[in-house]
Amino acid sequence: MTNTETATTESLASEAVANLKGIPTRKALMEMLRNEVVEVTFTKLNGDKRIMPCTLIPSMLPAATKDDAVTQKKVREVSDKVCAVWAIESKGFRSFRYDRIDKVEKLNLDNLVGELDA
């Protein structure tokens, strides 16, 4: 399978998951995260439910360093099945599988001011 065929297959799978669950496609979600803080509800691999306020707004991300490979842009975009994001509450990069998302909701930044400053 070529890279183009793989990308097309993954895009169709993303659209199917989005339509089934009523969530944005993976591409739309990643774009939303670059512009907003989003609350993502998903099921962890161990079966636990997790609600995570997260973002990819560049001004909210830490500066990339050679010592911390997780902050490198290339590492965050390795797999189309995994979404790597900045978790607001834990102040660190976290990831989840796109197909395990249950709900996506935009958050109001005004309500998060205390959490962002803490």
Protein backbone atom coordinates (compact mmCIF):
# COMPACT_ATOMS: atom_id res chain seq x y z
CA MET A 1 0.00 0.00 0.00
CA THR A 2 1.39 3.43 -0.94
CA ASN A 3 1.47 6.45 1.38
CA THR A 4 -1.35 8.04 -0.62
CA GLU A 5 -3.50 4.92 -0.32
CA THR A 6 -2.79 4.70 3.42
CA ALA A 7 -3.68 8.38 3.91
CA THR A 8 -6.92 7.95 1.97
CA THR A 9 -7.86 4.84 3.96
CA GLU A 10 -7.13 6.59 7.28
CA SER A 11 -9.10 9.66 6.17
CA LEU A 12 -12.12 7.51 5.30
CA ALA A 13 -11.82 5.72 8.64
CA SER A 14 -11.70 9.09 10.42
CA GLU A 15 -14.83 10.24 8.58
CA ALA A 16 -16.63 7.00 9.48
CA VAL A 17 -15.74 7.37 13.18
CA ALA A 18 -16.74 11.06 13.11
CA ASN A 19 -20.12 10.32 11.53
CA LEU A 20 -20.83 7.41 13.85
CA LYS A 21 -19.93 9.28 17.06
CA GLY A 22 -20.98 12.81 16.09
CA ILE A 23 -17.45 14.21 16.57
CA PRO A 24 -15.18 16.18 14.23
CA THR A 25 -12.92 14.27 11.86
CA ARG A 26 -9.37 13.86 13.11
CA LYS A 27 -8.18 16.59 10.74
CA ALA A 28 -10.94 18.98 11.90
CA LEU A 29 -10.21 18.16 15.55
CA MET A 30 -6.50 18.89 15.16
CA GLU A 31 -7.33 22.22 13.47
CA MET A 32 -9.78 23.04 16.27
CA LEU A 33 -7.07 22.27 18.85
CA ARG A 34 -4.65 24.68 17.10
CA ASN A 35 -7.13 27.51 17.67
CA GLU A 36 -9.08 26.66 20.82
CA VAL A 37 -9.13 24.84 24.13
CA VAL A 38 -11.21 21.69 23.74
CA GLU A 39 -12.56 19.20 26.27
CA VAL A 40 -12.10 15.69 24.88
CA THR A 41 -13.85 12.75 26.52
CA PHE A 42 -12.33 9.40 25.60
CA THR A 43 -11.88 5.86 26.80
CA LYS A 44 -8.35 4.97 27.84
CA LEU A 45 -6.81 1.68 26.72
CA ASN A 46 -7.44 0.24 30.20
CA GLY A 47 -11.17 1.03 29.87
CA ASP A 48 -11.25 4.09 32.14
CA LYS A 49 -13.12 7.19 30.95
CA ARG A 50 -11.12 10.41 30.83
CA ILE A 51 -12.23 14.01 30.35
CA MET A 52 -9.29 16.18 29.34
CA PRO A 53 -9.21 19.90 28.57
CA CYS A 54 -6.47 20.25 25.96
CA THR A 55 -5.12 22.43 23.17
CA LEU A 56 -2.44 22.91 20.55
CA ILE A 57 -2.57 26.73 20.55
CA PRO A 58 1.09 27.60 19.84
CA SER A 59 1.26 30.34 22.49
CA MET A 60 0.15 27.86 25.18
CA LEU A 61 2.75 25.19 24.32
CA PRO A 62 6.20 25.06 25.91
CA ALA A 63 9.21 25.91 23.79
CA ALA A 64 10.74 22.91 22.05
CA THR A 65 14.04 21.70 23.46
CA LYS A 66 16.47 19.03 22.35
CA ASP A 67 16.26 17.42 25.79
CA ASP A 68 12.49 16.89 25.67
CA ALA A 69 11.64 14.98 22.50
CA VAL A 70 7.91 15.08 23.28
CA THR A 71 7.83 18.81 22.56
CA GLN A 72 9.24 18.28 19.09
CA LYS A 73 6.61 18.87 16.40
CA LYS A 74 7.69 15.78 14.43
CA VAL A 75 7.04 13.49 17.40
CA ARG A 76 3.53 14.87 17.93
CA GLU A 77 2.55 14.10 14.32
CA VAL A 78 3.88 10.55 13.99
CA SER A 79 0.61 8.62 13.80
CA ASP A 80 -2.76 9.53 12.32
CA LYS A 81 -4.41 7.21 14.83
CA VAL A 82 -3.04 9.04 17.87
CA CYS A 83 -3.73 12.65 18.84
CA ALA A 84 -0.98 14.27 20.90
CA VAL A 85 -2.13 17.39 22.73
CA TRP A 86 -1.15 19.75 25.54
CA ALA A 87 -3.21 18.79 28.61
CA ILE A 88 -4.23 21.98 30.42
CA GLU A 89 -4.66 20.48 33.91
CA SER A 90 -1.49 18.36 34.01
CA LYS A 91 0.55 20.91 32.01
CA GLY A 92 2.12 18.24 29.84
CA PHE A 93 1.75 16.46 26.54
CA ARG A 94 -0.74 13.61 26.58
CA SER A 95 -2.14 11.48 23.80
CA PHE A 96 -5.22 9.45 23.03
CA ARG A 97 -6.38 7.32 20.13
CA TYR A 98 -8.77 9.15 17.83
CA ASP A 99 -11.09 6.14 17.55
CA ARG A 100 -11.57 6.10 21.35
CA ILE A 101 -13.02 9.64 21.53
CA ASP A 102 -16.59 9.78 22.82
CA LYS A 103 -17.21 13.54 22.87
CA VAL A 104 -15.55 16.82 21.84
CA GLU A 105 -16.61 20.18 23.27
CA LYS A 106 -15.11 23.66 22.85
CA LEU A 107 -14.30 25.35 26.15
CA ASN A 108 -14.59 29.03 26.94
CA LEU A 109 -11.09 30.41 27.62
CA ASP A 110 -12.52 32.93 30.12
CA ASN A 111 -13.58 30.05 32.38
CA LEU A 112 -10.06 28.58 32.31
CA VAL A 113 -8.06 31.67 33.35
CA GLY A 114 -7.44 30.35 36.88
CA GLU A 115 -6.31 26.94 35.61
CA LEU A 116 -4.01 28.44 32.99
CA ASP A 117 -2.26 30.71 35.52
CA ALA A 118 -1.88 28.05 38.24
